[in-house]
Protein backbone atom coordinates (compact mmCIF):
# COMPACT_ATOMS: atom_id res chain seq x y z
CA MET A 1 89.26 51.68 30.58
CA ALA A 2 91.18 54.75 29.86
CA SER A 3 88.71 56.74 28.99
CA GLN A 4 86.81 55.75 32.46
CA ARG A 5 89.71 56.74 34.56
CA GLY A 6 90.40 60.25 32.70
CA ILE A 7 86.22 60.65 33.07
CA ALA A 8 87.26 59.69 37.69
CA LEU A 9 90.27 61.90 37.59
CA VAL A 10 88.35 64.84 36.26
CA MET A 11 85.46 64.16 38.44
CA VAL A 12 87.87 64.26 41.48
CA LEU A 13 89.29 67.25 40.65
CA TRP A 14 86.08 69.06 40.15
CA VAL A 15 85.02 67.71 43.70
CA LEU A 16 88.79 69.04 44.55
CA VAL A 17 87.74 72.27 43.29
CA PHE A 18 84.61 72.08 45.05
CA LEU A 19 85.65 71.43 48.28
CA THR A 20 88.35 73.98 48.07
CA VAL A 21 85.96 77.07 47.17
CA ILE A 22 84.12 75.91 50.22
CA VAL A 23 86.95 75.90 52.96
CA LEU A 24 88.18 79.35 51.57
CA SER A 25 85.04 80.69 51.90
CA PHE A 26 84.14 79.23 55.33
CA SER A 27 87.57 80.92 56.20
CA ALA A 28 86.81 84.32 54.87
CA THR A 29 83.16 83.89 56.79
CA VAL A 30 85.32 82.88 59.26
CA ARG A 31 87.94 85.44 59.26
CA THR A 32 85.27 88.33 58.34
CA ASP A 33 83.53 87.01 62.29
CA ALA A 34 86.82 87.17 63.94
CA TYR A 35 87.57 90.59 62.95
CA SER A 36 84.06 91.42 63.98
CA VAL A 37 84.18 90.51 67.26
CA LEU A 38 87.51 91.88 67.77
CA SER A 39 86.19 95.32 66.48
CA PHE A 40 83.21 95.00 68.69
CA LYS A 41 85.46 93.95 72.14
CA LYS A 42 87.84 97.13 71.64
CA GLU A 43 84.73 99.47 71.11
CA VAL A 44 82.91 98.27 74.06
CA GLU A 45 86.48 98.27 75.89
CA ASN A 46 86.44 102.48 74.51
CA LYS A 47 83.13 102.98 75.75
CA PHE A 48 83.61 101.68 79.55
CA LEU A 49 86.92 103.78 79.31
CA ALA A 50 84.75 106.66 78.23
CA GLU A 51 81.81 105.88 80.55
CA ALA A 52 84.89 105.92 83.64
CA GLY A 53 85.92 109.75 82.35
CA ILE A 54 82.28 110.94 82.53
CA GLN A 55 82.47 109.39 86.15
CA ARG A 56 85.58 111.20 86.60
CA GLY A 57 84.69 114.66 85.10
CA LEU A 58 81.49 114.56 87.94
CA MET A 59 83.65 113.54 90.02
CA GLU A 60 85.85 116.87 89.88
CA ILE A 61 82.69 118.79 89.40
CA LEU A 62 81.82 117.91 93.25
CA TYR A 63 84.47 118.12 94.56
CA ARG A 64 85.27 121.55 93.27
CA ASN A 65 82.01 122.71 94.77
CA VAL A 66 83.17 121.58 98.07
CA ASN A 67 86.29 122.96 97.75
CA LYS A 68 86.33 126.10 95.45
CA ASN A 69 86.03 128.81 97.45
CA GLN A 70 89.33 127.38 99.79
CA LYS A 71 91.36 129.72 100.39
CA ILE A 72 94.54 126.89 100.86
CA ILE A 73 94.45 123.82 99.04
CA MET A 74 97.34 121.16 99.36
CA GLU A 75 99.42 120.64 96.68
CA GLY A 76 97.83 117.51 94.20
CA ARG A 77 94.15 118.67 95.32
CA GLU A 78 93.41 121.67 93.07
CA VAL A 79 90.38 122.11 91.61
CA LEU A 80 90.08 121.72 88.28
CA LEU A 81 89.33 124.34 85.66
CA THR A 82 85.60 124.27 83.89
CA ASP A 83 86.96 125.81 80.75
CA ASN A 84 87.12 122.92 78.37
CA ARG A 85 90.51 122.29 78.69
CA VAL A 86 91.60 118.30 78.52
CA TYR A 87 92.85 115.92 80.98
CA GLN A 88 94.25 112.46 80.87
CA SER A 89 94.72 109.64 82.94
CA PRO A 90 95.42 105.97 82.48
CA ILE A 91 93.43 103.22 83.42
CA GLY A 92 93.93 99.17 82.80
CA ASP A 93 95.47 98.82 79.61
CA GLY A 94 94.12 101.80 78.04
CA PHE A 95 93.18 105.37 79.10
CA TYR A 96 90.87 108.10 78.98
CA THR A 97 90.70 111.80 78.26
CA PHE A 98 87.57 114.55 79.67
CA SER A 99 87.17 118.06 80.00
CA ILE A 100 84.51 119.97 82.13
CA MET A 101 83.28 122.86 80.50
CA ASP A 102 80.88 125.78 82.97
CA GLU A 103 78.09 126.20 80.36
CA SER A 104 77.74 130.02 81.93
CA GLY A 105 81.17 130.33 79.18
CA LYS A 106 78.97 129.74 76.28
CA ILE A 107 76.61 131.69 74.42
CA ASN A 108 72.94 131.19 75.14
CA ILE A 109 70.63 131.38 72.25
CA ASN A 110 67.69 131.21 74.52
CA ALA A 111 68.86 134.85 75.62
CA LEU A 112 70.52 136.36 72.72
CA SER A 113 68.73 139.45 71.93
CA ASP A 114 68.85 142.24 69.68
CA ASN A 115 71.07 143.84 72.10
CA THR A 116 73.60 141.27 72.38
CA ARG A 117 73.22 139.31 68.62
CA ALA A 118 76.50 141.35 68.07
CA ILE A 119 78.60 138.32 70.07
CA LEU A 120 76.87 135.54 67.94
CA TYR A 121 77.54 137.65 64.96
CA ASN A 122 81.51 138.05 65.04
CA LEU A 123 81.70 134.84 66.16
CA LEU A 124 80.04 133.28 62.74
CA VAL A 125 82.09 136.00 60.66
CA ASN A 126 85.71 135.14 62.64
CA ARG A 127 84.81 131.47 61.51
CA GLY A 128 85.19 132.57 58.09
CA ILE A 129 81.05 133.14 57.16
CA PRO A 130 80.43 136.00 54.94
CA GLY A 131 78.87 139.08 56.49
CA GLN A 132 75.51 138.32 55.02
CA GLU A 133 75.10 134.42 55.83
CA ALA A 134 75.64 135.24 59.51
CA ASP A 135 73.47 138.03 59.47
CA VAL A 136 70.84 135.51 57.86
CA ILE A 137 71.50 133.26 60.61
CA VAL A 138 71.39 135.68 63.70
CA ASP A 139 68.08 137.26 62.47
CA SER A 140 66.71 133.75 61.60
CA ILE A 141 67.57 132.41 65.32
CA LEU A 142 65.65 135.19 66.92
CA ASP A 143 62.69 135.12 64.56
CA TRP A 144 62.51 131.65 65.61
CA LYS A 145 62.24 132.40 69.04
CA ASP A 146 60.64 135.25 69.80
CA PRO A 147 56.38 135.01 69.85
CA ASP A 148 55.78 137.22 67.09
CA ASP A 149 55.54 136.89 63.41
CA LEU A 150 56.71 139.97 62.43
CA HIS A 151 60.31 139.73 60.20
CA ARG A 152 63.79 141.05 61.01
CA THR A 153 65.49 142.63 58.30
CA ASN A 154 68.11 139.38 57.35
CA GLY A 155 65.57 136.78 59.49
CA ALA A 156 62.53 134.46 59.00
CA GLU A 157 59.41 133.43 60.04
CA SER A 158 56.69 130.72 59.34
CA ASP A 159 55.76 131.89 55.71
CA TYR A 160 59.48 131.12 54.85
CA TYR A 161 59.78 127.50 56.07
CA GLN A 162 56.27 127.33 54.54
CA SER A 163 57.51 127.49 50.99
CA LEU A 164 60.49 124.94 51.42
CA PRO A 165 59.48 121.29 49.87
CA GLU A 166 59.06 119.76 53.45
CA PRO A 167 56.85 122.85 54.95
CA TYR A 168 56.93 123.81 58.72
CA ILE A 169 56.23 126.65 61.22
CA ALA A 170 58.40 128.66 63.13
CA LYS A 171 58.40 127.68 67.04
CA ASN A 172 58.14 131.09 68.47
CA SER A 173 59.46 129.64 71.27
CA GLY A 174 62.79 129.23 72.65
CA PHE A 175 64.90 125.93 72.08
CA ASP A 176 65.06 122.93 73.60
CA THR A 177 68.33 121.52 72.10
CA LEU A 178 71.23 122.28 69.85
CA GLU A 179 70.29 120.08 67.45
CA GLU A 180 67.20 122.50 66.46
CA LEU A 181 69.07 124.77 65.46
CA LEU A 182 69.45 122.64 61.73
CA LEU A 183 65.78 124.22 61.44
CA VAL A 184 66.56 127.62 60.98
CA ARG A 185 67.23 129.71 58.03
CA GLY A 186 70.72 129.75 56.89
CA MET A 187 71.99 127.37 59.79
CA THR A 188 73.89 123.81 58.22
CA THR A 189 75.39 120.96 59.84
CA GLN A 190 78.75 122.34 58.71
CA ILE A 191 78.33 125.61 60.43
CA LEU A 192 76.63 123.87 63.69
CA PHE A 193 79.05 120.61 64.29
CA GLY A 194 82.09 120.85 61.44
CA GLU A 195 83.36 119.12 59.02
CA ASP A 196 86.84 117.81 57.90
CA GLY A 197 88.33 117.86 61.22
CA LYS A 198 87.27 121.50 61.54
CA SER A 199 84.67 121.73 65.01
CA GLY A 200 81.25 123.77 64.51
CA ILE A 201 80.00 126.19 66.64
CA ALA A 202 77.91 123.85 68.71
CA PRO A 203 80.24 123.58 71.62
CA MET A 204 80.47 127.35 72.20
CA LEU A 205 76.33 127.21 72.37
CA THR A 206 74.43 126.73 75.04
CA VAL A 207 70.05 126.23 75.68
CA HIS A 208 70.45 125.44 79.37
CA PRO A 209 68.44 128.83 81.45
CA ILE A 210 71.27 130.98 82.65
CA LYS A 211 72.29 134.22 82.51
CA ASN A 212 73.01 135.81 79.55
CA ARG A 213 76.29 137.26 80.29
CA ILE A 214 79.66 135.45 79.31
CA ASN A 215 81.62 133.56 81.84
CA VAL A 216 85.08 134.73 81.05
CA LYS A 217 86.79 132.13 83.38
CA ALA A 218 85.27 129.33 81.39
CA ALA A 219 84.62 130.69 77.84
CA PRO A 220 87.40 129.11 75.45
CA ARG A 221 89.49 131.45 73.52
CA GLU A 222 87.65 131.39 70.04
CA LEU A 223 84.17 132.83 72.17
CA LEU A 224 86.69 135.33 74.28
CA ASN A 225 87.52 137.09 70.40
CA ALA A 226 83.80 137.69 69.33
CA ILE A 227 83.21 139.85 72.17
CA PRO A 228 82.61 143.59 71.26
CA GLY A 229 85.62 145.41 72.25
CA MET A 230 87.63 142.56 72.85
CA SER A 231 91.31 142.68 71.71
CA ALA A 232 94.21 139.62 71.38
CA ASP A 233 96.04 141.41 73.84
CA VAL A 234 93.05 141.17 76.70
CA VAL A 235 92.12 138.08 76.04
CA ASP A 236 95.92 136.95 76.52
CA SER A 237 95.43 138.55 79.84
CA ILE A 238 92.27 136.95 80.70
CA MET A 239 94.00 133.56 80.21
CA ALA A 240 96.55 134.61 82.16
CA LEU A 241 94.23 135.30 84.62
CA ARG A 242 92.93 131.88 84.61
CA GLU A 243 95.70 130.26 85.05
CA SER A 244 96.58 132.02 87.75
CA LYS A 245 93.01 130.61 88.99
CA ALA A 246 92.23 134.56 90.34
CA GLU A 247 88.43 134.98 91.36
CA GLU A 248 88.35 139.15 90.91
CA VAL A 249 88.96 138.32 86.93
CA ILE A 250 86.25 141.35 86.09
CA ASP A 251 87.51 143.20 89.12
CA GLN A 252 91.19 142.96 87.48
CA LEU A 253 89.77 143.83 84.34
CA GLN A 254 88.33 146.95 84.77
CA ALA A 255 91.30 148.12 86.33
CA LEU A 256 92.93 146.92 83.30
CA LEU A 257 90.85 148.27 80.55
CA GLY A 258 89.87 151.25 82.24
CA LYS A 259 86.85 152.90 79.93
CA SER A 260 87.23 150.41 77.89
CA TYR A 261 85.87 147.70 79.46
CA ASP A 262 82.42 149.57 79.36
CA ILE A 263 82.12 148.24 75.64
CA MET A 264 82.18 144.43 76.81
CA ALA A 265 80.50 144.97 80.31
CA PRO A 266 77.11 144.00 78.84
CA TYR A 267 78.49 140.17 77.29
CA ILE A 268 80.88 139.62 80.72
CA GLY A 269 80.70 137.96 84.05
CA ALA A 270 82.56 135.54 86.21
CA GLY A 271 79.89 133.87 88.06
CA ASP A 272 79.74 130.44 87.34
CA SER A 273 76.94 128.26 86.85
CA ASN A 274 75.60 125.14 88.05
CA ILE A 275 75.33 123.71 84.77
CA TYR A 276 78.71 121.60 83.56
CA THR A 277 79.00 119.51 80.52
CA VAL A 278 81.61 116.93 80.67
CA ASP A 279 82.69 115.15 77.70
CA ALA A 280 85.14 112.03 77.71
CA VAL A 281 86.75 109.95 75.29
CA GLY A 282 88.45 106.22 75.97
CA TYR A 283 91.20 104.46 73.79
CA ARG A 284 92.13 101.14 74.09
CA ASP A 285 94.91 100.92 71.41
CA ASP A 286 94.84 102.55 68.62
CA LYS A 287 94.82 106.56 69.80
CA ARG A 288 92.89 107.45 66.88
CA LYS A 289 90.51 105.60 66.96
CA GLY A 290 88.18 106.47 70.58
CA TYR A 291 84.68 106.67 71.86
CA ALA A 292 83.04 109.82 73.13
CA ILE A 293 80.24 110.00 75.17
CA ARG A 294 78.92 113.97 76.04
CA ALA A 295 76.70 114.32 79.35
CA THR A 296 75.67 117.45 81.25
CA PHE A 297 74.89 117.39 84.85
CA ILE A 298 72.68 120.35 87.03
CA MET A 299 74.14 120.39 90.20
CA GLU A 300 71.35 120.80 92.70
CA SER A 301 73.77 121.23 95.60
CA THR A 302 77.27 120.07 96.73
CA SER A 303 76.60 116.52 96.84
CA LYS A 304 73.25 116.06 94.43
CA TYR A 305 72.95 116.33 90.95
CA ARG A 306 70.79 115.53 88.36
CA THR A 307 71.39 114.37 84.28
CA ILE A 308 69.99 116.12 81.73
CA TYR A 309 71.54 115.82 78.40
CA TYR A 310 73.05 112.12 78.16
CA LYS A 311 75.10 111.19 74.60
CA SER A 312 76.61 107.79 73.61
CA PRO A 313 78.37 107.72 71.36
CA ALA A 314 79.07 111.23 71.22
């Protein structure tokens, strides 16, 4: 009798252990699912906030196109600058940040030539890329988009790309996207898009059909520093003119620089384009974790636009 009671006790204990394992496993599964749902909910909320930021940026572009030439603008109704500076706005229990960048404030790699290659070379060198590597990248970009198979001094054509483990041929035509640059000899994801919190050069490049000159009213400081003949003092002057919303930036620069202006004249302008990129990030709770969206718009008139690029998440 005692042995039977012992066996029964062992069986009961085993059943309890088995049930405990099942309960703990179920509890862990439920907890994981709950956290997954909560994380998904936050991501969706952040996404909607970011989309609100995109729409806010688009609204500001439309407002700017109507009012940018107004001589008198009431306080609180100023047009926003299109030099990629970040604006922030609360909405509900969260907020979004957004920036507007006039594409004319970037280097148009499709318009880059042997005469204007120096600005991209300087941009790369200023970022710590050795001169020889910068020469390879710039010459290879020019070789990639020109219609012939002739090599520049440090460039690459189809014979180089055909020798790679996964061969392909040079396009011999213009770039359709910035990502296409990753096919070019010397270019890496680290240089183009950045790594370890350091941004790449992609935000300062464009493929859109705009003028070859850099719009100094929109170009970021780092790009201004890459313009041949530019100095830190001149960049500071440009930024000050931008803050004052001065329209005649080029005229004032000519007066400021005198003959030195001729060195940078082939690279700079001050005319706005009709192509804008809006970057928006939505934040619900954690300010370190947001959802980013990037969109590029062509303004076909003061009230009509067309989306030519949309990336979510960006």
